[in-house]
Amino acid sequence: MITDDGRLLANYNLGVHVYDIFSGVRLDSEDVLKTSSNFRWDSEDVLKTSSYVRRDSEDLLKTSSNLRRDSE
């Protein structure tokens, strides 16, 4: 159950689990999802991102990714 408004940033597949990453979203107390993300373009036009996703107090998933922007 999403209790705050947020926009979809990314989807991650980890094994059989799919994680939807939203900005500024907290789920209910049974399954808490906290996200924080920073985006920047480097000198080679690569989008640098980092995300930290917490499902609950015992399961911390840290992810980071680099995406290259197309010339079009």
PDB file of N, CA and C in Angstrom:
ATOM      1  N   MET A   1       0.840  -1.182   0.000  1.00  0.00           N
ATOM      2  CA  MET A   1       0.000   0.000   0.000  1.00  0.00           C
ATOM      3  C   MET A   1       0.882   1.241   0.000  1.00  0.00           C
ATOM      4  N   ILE A   2       0.764   2.096  -0.995  1.00  0.00           N
ATOM      5  CA  ILE A   2       1.543   3.318  -1.082  1.00  0.00           C
ATOM      6  C   ILE A   2       0.816   4.416  -0.324  1.00  0.00           C
ATOM      7  N   THR A   3       1.522   5.045   0.626  1.00  0.00           N
ATOM      8  CA  THR A   3       0.879   6.064   1.448  1.00  0.00           C
ATOM      9  C   THR A   3       1.250   7.480   1.045  1.00  0.00           C
ATOM     10  N   ASP A   4       2.324   7.660   0.287  1.00  0.00           N
ATOM     11  CA  ASP A   4       2.740   8.983  -0.180  1.00  0.00           C
ATOM     12  C   ASP A   4       2.817   8.976  -1.696  1.00  0.00           C
ATOM     13  N   ASP A   5       2.652  10.147  -2.307  1.00  0.00           N
ATOM     14  CA  ASP A   5       2.794  10.244  -3.752  1.00  0.00           C
ATOM     15  C   ASP A   5       4.261  10.152  -4.129  1.00  0.00           C
ATOM     16  N   GLY A   6       4.539   9.543  -5.259  1.00  0.00           N
ATOM     17  CA  GLY A   6       5.902   9.439  -5.759  1.00  0.00           C
ATOM     18  C   GLY A   6       5.853   9.058  -7.220  1.00  0.00           C
ATOM     19  N   ARG A   7       6.985   9.205  -7.892  1.00  0.00           N
ATOM     20  CA  ARG A   7       7.013   8.813  -9.296  1.00  0.00           C
ATOM     21  C   ARG A   7       7.971   7.652  -9.469  1.00  0.00           C
ATOM     22  N   LEU A   8       7.673   6.807 -10.445  1.00  0.00           N
ATOM     23  CA  LEU A   8       8.472   5.622 -10.699  1.00  0.00           C
ATOM     24  C   LEU A   8       9.821   6.030 -11.266  1.00  0.00           C
ATOM     25  N   LEU A   9      10.907   5.581 -10.634  1.00  0.00           N
ATOM     26  CA  LEU A   9      12.255   5.864 -11.104  1.00  0.00           C
ATOM     27  C   LEU A   9      12.833   4.694 -11.885  1.00  0.00           C
ATOM     28  N   ALA A  10      12.601   3.465 -11.412  1.00  0.00           N
ATOM     29  CA  ALA A  10      13.212   2.301 -12.055  1.00  0.00           C
ATOM     30  C   ALA A  10      12.535   1.033 -11.573  1.00  0.00           C
ATOM     31  N   ASN A  11      12.782  -0.039 -12.293  1.00  0.00           N
ATOM     32  CA  ASN A  11      12.377  -1.381 -11.893  1.00  0.00           C
ATOM     33  C   ASN A  11      13.635  -2.236 -11.823  1.00  0.00           C
ATOM     34  N   TYR A  12      13.808  -2.971 -10.741  1.00  0.00           N
ATOM     35  CA  TYR A  12      14.943  -3.875 -10.587  1.00  0.00           C
ATOM     36  C   TYR A  12      14.432  -5.293 -10.444  1.00  0.00           C
ATOM     37  N   ASN A  13      15.051  -6.225 -11.165  1.00  0.00           N
ATOM     38  CA  ASN A  13      14.771  -7.644 -11.008  1.00  0.00           C
ATOM     39  C   ASN A  13      15.932  -8.261 -10.256  1.00  0.00           C
ATOM     40  N   LEU A  14      15.645  -8.889  -9.128  1.00  0.00           N
ATOM     41  CA  LEU A  14      16.655  -9.554  -8.320  1.00  0.00           C
ATOM     42  C   LEU A  14      16.166 -10.971  -8.078  1.00  0.00           C
ATOM     43  N   GLY A  15      16.673 -11.911  -8.883  1.00  0.00           N
ATOM     44  CA  GLY A  15      16.163 -13.273  -8.813  1.00  0.00           C
ATOM     45  C   GLY A  15      14.715 -13.296  -9.238  1.00  0.00           C
ATOM     46  N   VAL A  16      13.852 -13.822  -8.374  1.00  0.00           N
ATOM     47  CA  VAL A  16      12.422 -13.872  -8.682  1.00  0.00           C
ATOM     48  C   VAL A  16      11.683 -12.642  -8.166  1.00  0.00           C
ATOM     49  N   HIS A  17      12.391 -11.733  -7.488  1.00  0.00           N
ATOM     50  CA  HIS A  17      11.765 -10.546  -6.919  1.00  0.00           C
ATOM     51  C   HIS A  17      11.888  -9.368  -7.875  1.00  0.00           C
ATOM     52  N   VAL A  18      10.828  -8.580  -7.973  1.00  0.00           N
ATOM     53  CA  VAL A  18      10.825  -7.362  -8.776  1.00  0.00           C
ATOM     54  C   VAL A  18      10.622  -6.188  -7.828  1.00  0.00           C
ATOM     55  N   TYR A  19      11.506  -5.191  -7.920  1.00  0.00           N
ATOM     56  CA  TYR A  19      11.427  -4.007  -7.077  1.00  0.00           C
ATOM     57  C   TYR A  19      11.095  -2.803  -7.942  1.00  0.00           C
ATOM     58  N   ASP A  20      10.016  -2.109  -7.617  1.00  0.00           N
ATOM     59  CA  ASP A  20       9.683  -0.840  -8.256  1.00  0.00           C
ATOM     60  C   ASP A  20      10.251   0.259  -7.374  1.00  0.00           C
ATOM     61  N   ILE A  21      11.109   1.102  -7.938  1.00  0.00           N
ATOM     62  CA  ILE A  21      11.765   2.158  -7.182  1.00  0.00           C
ATOM     63  C   ILE A  21      11.044   3.470  -7.460  1.00  0.00           C
ATOM     64  N   PHE A  22      10.497   4.069  -6.428  1.00  0.00           N
ATOM     65  CA  PHE A  22       9.778   5.330  -6.522  1.00  0.00           C
ATOM     66  C   PHE A  22      10.541   6.404  -5.764  1.00  0.00           C
ATOM     67  N   SER A  23      10.332   7.648  -6.133  1.00  0.00           N
ATOM     68  CA  SER A  23      10.906   8.749  -5.364  1.00  0.00           C
ATOM     69  C   SER A  23       9.922   9.149  -4.276  1.00  0.00           C
ATOM     70  N   GLY A  24      10.410   9.295  -3.071  1.00  0.00           N
ATOM     71  CA  GLY A  24       9.607   9.786  -1.957  1.00  0.00           C
ATOM     72  C   GLY A  24       8.436   8.916  -1.593  1.00  0.00           C
ATOM     73  N   VAL A  25       8.613   7.591  -1.557  1.00  0.00           N
ATOM     74  CA  VAL A  25       7.500   6.685  -1.287  1.00  0.00           C
ATOM     75  C   VAL A  25       7.800   5.837  -0.060  1.00  0.00           C
ATOM     76  N   ARG A  26       6.827   5.686   0.797  1.00  0.00           N
ATOM     77  CA  ARG A  26       6.928   4.772   1.932  1.00  0.00           C
ATOM     78  C   ARG A  26       5.742   3.814   1.864  1.00  0.00           C
ATOM     79  N   LEU A  27       6.005   2.525   1.975  1.00  0.00           N
ATOM     80  CA  LEU A  27       4.932   1.539   2.012  1.00  0.00           C
ATOM     81  C   LEU A  27       4.474   1.364   3.456  1.00  0.00           C
ATOM     82  N   ASP A  28       3.469   0.526   3.672  1.00  0.00           N
ATOM     83  CA  ASP A  28       2.941   0.347   5.020  1.00  0.00           C
ATOM     84  C   ASP A  28       3.968  -0.337   5.930  1.00  0.00           C
ATOM     85  N   SER A  29       3.674  -0.420   7.219  1.00  0.00           N
ATOM     86  CA  SER A  29       4.644  -0.896   8.205  1.00  0.00           C
ATOM     87  C   SER A  29       5.009  -2.364   8.030  1.00  0.00           C
ATOM     88  N   GLU A  30       4.227  -3.129   7.305  1.00  0.00           N
ATOM     89  CA  GLU A  30       4.557  -4.532   7.053  1.00  0.00           C
ATOM     90  C   GLU A  30       5.653  -4.680   6.008  1.00  0.00           C
ATOM     91  N   ASP A  31       5.752  -3.746   5.066  1.00  0.00           N
ATOM     92  CA  ASP A  31       6.741  -3.832   3.985  1.00  0.00           C
ATOM     93  C   ASP A  31       7.187  -2.418   3.635  1.00  0.00           C
ATOM     94  N   VAL A  32       8.162  -1.895   4.352  1.00  0.00           N
ATOM     95  CA  VAL A  32       8.585  -0.506   4.202  1.00  0.00           C
ATOM     96  C   VAL A  32       9.603  -0.397   3.084  1.00  0.00           C
ATOM     97  N   LEU A  33       9.376   0.515   2.176  1.00  0.00           N
ATOM     98  CA  LEU A  33      10.307   0.807   1.089  1.00  0.00           C
ATOM     99  C   LEU A  33      10.719   2.259   1.211  1.00  0.00           C
ATOM    100  N   LYS A  34      12.018   2.499   1.439  1.00  0.00           N
ATOM    101  CA  LYS A  34      12.530   3.863   1.519  1.00  0.00           C
ATOM    102  C   LYS A  34      13.517   4.048   0.382  1.00  0.00           C
ATOM    103  N   THR A  35      13.423   5.136  -0.341  1.00  0.00           N
ATOM    104  CA  THR A  35      14.351   5.372  -1.443  1.00  0.00           C
ATOM    105  C   THR A  35      14.943   6.765  -1.351  1.00  0.00           C
ATOM    106  N   SER A  36      16.164   6.888  -1.837  1.00  0.00           N
ATOM    107  CA  SER A  36      16.766   8.201  -2.076  1.00  0.00           C
ATOM    108  C   SER A  36      17.625   8.056  -3.310  1.00  0.00           C
ATOM    109  N   SER A  37      17.543   9.012  -4.198  1.00  0.00           N
ATOM    110  CA  SER A  37      18.252   8.898  -5.467  1.00  0.00           C
ATOM    111  C   SER A  37      18.875  10.229  -5.838  1.00  0.00           C
ATOM    112  N   ASN A  38      20.050  10.157  -6.433  1.00  0.00           N
ATOM    113  CA  ASN A  38      20.727  11.324  -6.974  1.00  0.00           C
ATOM    114  C   ASN A  38      21.067  11.033  -8.426  1.00  0.00           C
ATOM    115  N   PHE A  39      20.843  12.008  -9.309  1.00  0.00           N
ATOM    116  CA  PHE A  39      21.102  11.844 -10.726  1.00  0.00           C
ATOM    117  C   PHE A  39      22.033  12.948 -11.193  1.00  0.00           C
ATOM    118  N   ARG A  40      23.006  12.619 -12.033  1.00  0.00           N
ATOM    119  CA  ARG A  40      23.840  13.636 -12.661  1.00  0.00           C
ATOM    120  C   ARG A  40      24.406  13.069 -13.951  1.00  0.00           C
ATOM    121  N   TRP A  41      24.699  13.960 -14.896  1.00  0.00           N
ATOM    122  CA  TRP A  41      25.336  13.571 -16.151  1.00  0.00           C
ATOM    123  C   TRP A  41      26.821  13.872 -16.031  1.00  0.00           C
ATOM    124  N   ASP A  42      27.691  12.912 -16.386  1.00  0.00           N
ATOM    125  CA  ASP A  42      29.122  13.197 -16.354  1.00  0.00           C
ATOM    126  C   ASP A  42      29.574  13.768 -17.695  1.00  0.00           C
ATOM    127  N   SER A  43      30.882  14.020 -17.838  1.00  0.00           N
ATOM    128  CA  SER A  43      31.402  14.676 -19.042  1.00  0.00           C
ATOM    129  C   SER A  43      31.274  13.821 -20.298  1.00  0.00           C
ATOM    130  N   GLU A  44      31.068  12.514 -20.145  1.00  0.00           N
ATOM    131  CA  GLU A  44      30.886  11.623 -21.294  1.00  0.00           C
ATOM    132  C   GLU A  44      29.420  11.319 -21.544  1.00  0.00           C
ATOM    133  N   ASP A  45      28.531  12.132 -20.981  1.00  0.00           N
ATOM    134  CA  ASP A  45      27.084  11.980 -21.170  1.00  0.00           C
ATOM    135  C   ASP A  45      26.553  10.672 -20.585  1.00  0.00           C
ATOM    136  N   VAL A  46      27.118  10.239 -19.467  1.00  0.00           N
ATOM    137  CA  VAL A  46      26.641   9.046 -18.771  1.00  0.00           C
ATOM    138  C   VAL A  46      25.827   9.497 -17.566  1.00  0.00           C
ATOM    139  N   LEU A  47      24.617   8.958 -17.445  1.00  0.00           N
ATOM    140  CA  LEU A  47      23.768   9.278 -16.306  1.00  0.00           C
ATOM    141  C   LEU A  47      24.232   8.468 -15.106  1.00  0.00           C
ATOM    142  N   LYS A  48      24.639   9.147 -14.069  1.00  0.00           N
ATOM    143  CA  LYS A  48      25.098   8.495 -12.849  1.00  0.00           C
ATOM    144  C   LYS A  48      23.941   8.487 -11.860  1.00  0.00           C
ATOM    145  N   THR A  49      23.617   7.325 -11.326  1.00  0.00           N
ATOM    146  CA  THR A  49      22.537   7.214 -10.353  1.00  0.00           C
ATOM    147  C   THR A  49      22.985   6.347  -9.195  1.00  0.00           C
ATOM    148  N   SER A  50      22.374   6.558  -8.059  1.00  0.00           N
ATOM    149  CA  SER A  50      22.562   5.656  -6.928  1.00  0.00           C
ATOM    150  C   SER A  50      21.251   5.577  -6.174  1.00  0.00           C
ATOM    151  N   SER A  51      20.923   4.404  -5.693  1.00  0.00           N
ATOM    152  CA  SER A  51      19.685   4.195  -4.957  1.00  0.00           C
ATOM    153  C   SER A  51      19.951   3.253  -3.795  1.00  0.00           C
ATOM    154  N   TYR A  52      19.305   3.510  -2.697  1.00  0.00           N
ATOM    155  CA  TYR A  52      19.373   2.629  -1.545  1.00  0.00           C
ATOM    156  C   TYR A  52      17.945   2.227  -1.214  1.00  0.00           C
ATOM    157  N   VAL A  53      17.678   0.934  -1.198  1.00  0.00           N
ATOM    158  CA  VAL A  53      16.319   0.432  -1.040  1.00  0.00           C
ATOM    159  C   VAL A  53      16.261  -0.417   0.215  1.00  0.00           C
ATOM    160  N   ARG A  54      15.418  -0.050   1.155  1.00  0.00           N
ATOM    161  CA  ARG A  54      15.262  -0.831   2.379  1.00  0.00           C
ATOM    162  C   ARG A  54      13.878  -1.476   2.368  1.00  0.00           C
ATOM    163  N   ARG A  55      13.841  -2.811   2.415  1.00  0.00           N
ATOM    164  CA  ARG A  55      12.556  -3.509   2.464  1.00  0.00           C
ATOM    165  C   ARG A  55      12.059  -3.589   3.897  1.00  0.00           C
ATOM    166  N   ASP A  56      12.936  -3.927   4.820  1.00  0.00           N
ATOM    167  CA  ASP A  56      12.592  -3.940   6.234  1.00  0.00           C
ATOM    168  C   ASP A  56      13.885  -3.834   7.034  1.00  0.00           C
ATOM    169  N   SER A  57      13.803  -3.877   8.344  1.00  0.00           N
ATOM    170  CA  SER A  57      14.979  -3.623   9.176  1.00  0.00           C
ATOM    171  C   SER A  57      16.048  -4.700   9.061  1.00  0.00           C
ATOM    172  N   GLU A  58      15.748  -5.855   8.490  1.00  0.00           N
ATOM    173  CA  GLU A  58      16.722  -6.938   8.383  1.00  0.00           C
ATOM    174  C   GLU A  58      17.197  -7.183   6.958  1.00  0.00           C
ATOM    175  N   ASP A  59      16.669  -6.475   5.972  1.00  0.00           N
ATOM    176  CA  ASP A  59      16.979  -6.765   4.574  1.00  0.00           C
ATOM    177  C   ASP A  59      17.277  -5.463   3.847  1.00  0.00           C
ATOM    178  N   LEU A  60      18.573  -5.150   3.647  1.00  0.00           N
ATOM    179  CA  LEU A  60      18.978  -3.906   3.003  1.00  0.00           C
ATOM    180  C   LEU A  60      19.557  -4.214   1.641  1.00  0.00           C
ATOM    181  N   LEU A  61      18.966  -3.651   0.602  1.00  0.00           N
ATOM    182  CA  LEU A  61      19.438  -3.820  -0.768  1.00  0.00           C
ATOM    183  C   LEU A  61      20.019  -2.502  -1.233  1.00  0.00           C
ATOM    184  N   LYS A  62      21.288  -2.490  -1.630  1.00  0.00           N
ATOM    185  CA  LYS A  62      21.915  -1.284  -2.162  1.00  0.00           C
ATOM    186  C   LYS A  62      22.154  -1.493  -3.644  1.00  0.00           C
ATOM    187  N   THR A  63      21.763  -0.537  -4.448  1.00  0.00           N
ATOM    188  CA  THR A  63      21.942  -0.651  -5.890  1.00  0.00           C
ATOM    189  C   THR A  63      22.538   0.627  -6.435  1.00  0.00           C
ATOM    190  N   SER A  64      23.276   0.512  -7.517  1.00  0.00           N
ATOM    191  CA  SER A  64      23.743   1.684  -8.253  1.00  0.00           C
ATOM    192  C   SER A  64      23.859   1.296  -9.713  1.00  0.00           C
ATOM    193  N   SER A  65      23.689   2.262 -10.599  1.00  0.00           N
ATOM    194  CA  SER A  65      23.751   1.954 -12.027  1.00  0.00           C
ATOM    195  C   SER A  65      24.209   3.181 -12.794  1.00  0.00           C
ATOM    196  N   ASN A  66      24.793   2.944 -13.944  1.00  0.00           N
ATOM    197  CA  ASN A  66      25.200   4.001 -14.863  1.00  0.00           C
ATOM    198  C   ASN A  66      24.500   3.771 -16.193  1.00  0.00           C
ATOM    199  N   LEU A  67      23.890   4.812 -16.732  1.00  0.00           N
ATOM    200  CA  LEU A  67      23.175   4.724 -17.996  1.00  0.00           C
ATOM    201  C   LEU A  67      23.748   5.744 -18.961  1.00  0.00           C
ATOM    202  N   ARG A  68      23.974   5.346 -20.203  1.00  0.00           N
ATOM    203  CA  ARG A  68      24.491   6.271 -21.208  1.00  0.00           C
ATOM    204  C   ARG A  68      23.331   6.816 -22.033  1.00  0.00           C
ATOM    205  N   ARG A  69      23.274   8.140 -22.200  1.00  0.00           N
ATOM    206  CA  ARG A  69      22.202   8.777 -22.956  1.00  0.00           C
ATOM    207  C   ARG A  69      22.502   8.660 -24.444  1.00  0.00           C
ATOM    208  N   ASP A  70      21.494   8.293 -25.231  1.00  0.00           N
ATOM    209  CA  ASP A  70      21.618   8.183 -26.680  1.00  0.00           C
ATOM    210  C   ASP A  70      21.782   9.568 -27.292  1.00  0.00           C
ATOM    211  N   SER A  71      22.413   9.651 -28.459  1.00  0.00           N
ATOM    212  CA  SER A  71      22.642  10.944 -29.111  1.00  0.00           C
ATOM    213  C   SER A  71      21.377  11.533 -29.714  1.00  0.00           C
ATOM    214  N   GLU A  72      20.322  10.741 -29.865  1.00  0.00           N
ATOM    215  CA  GLU A  72      19.074  11.245 -30.459  1.00  0.00           C
ATOM    216  C   GLU A  72      18.139  11.782 -29.413  1.00  0.00           C
TER     217      GLU A  72
END
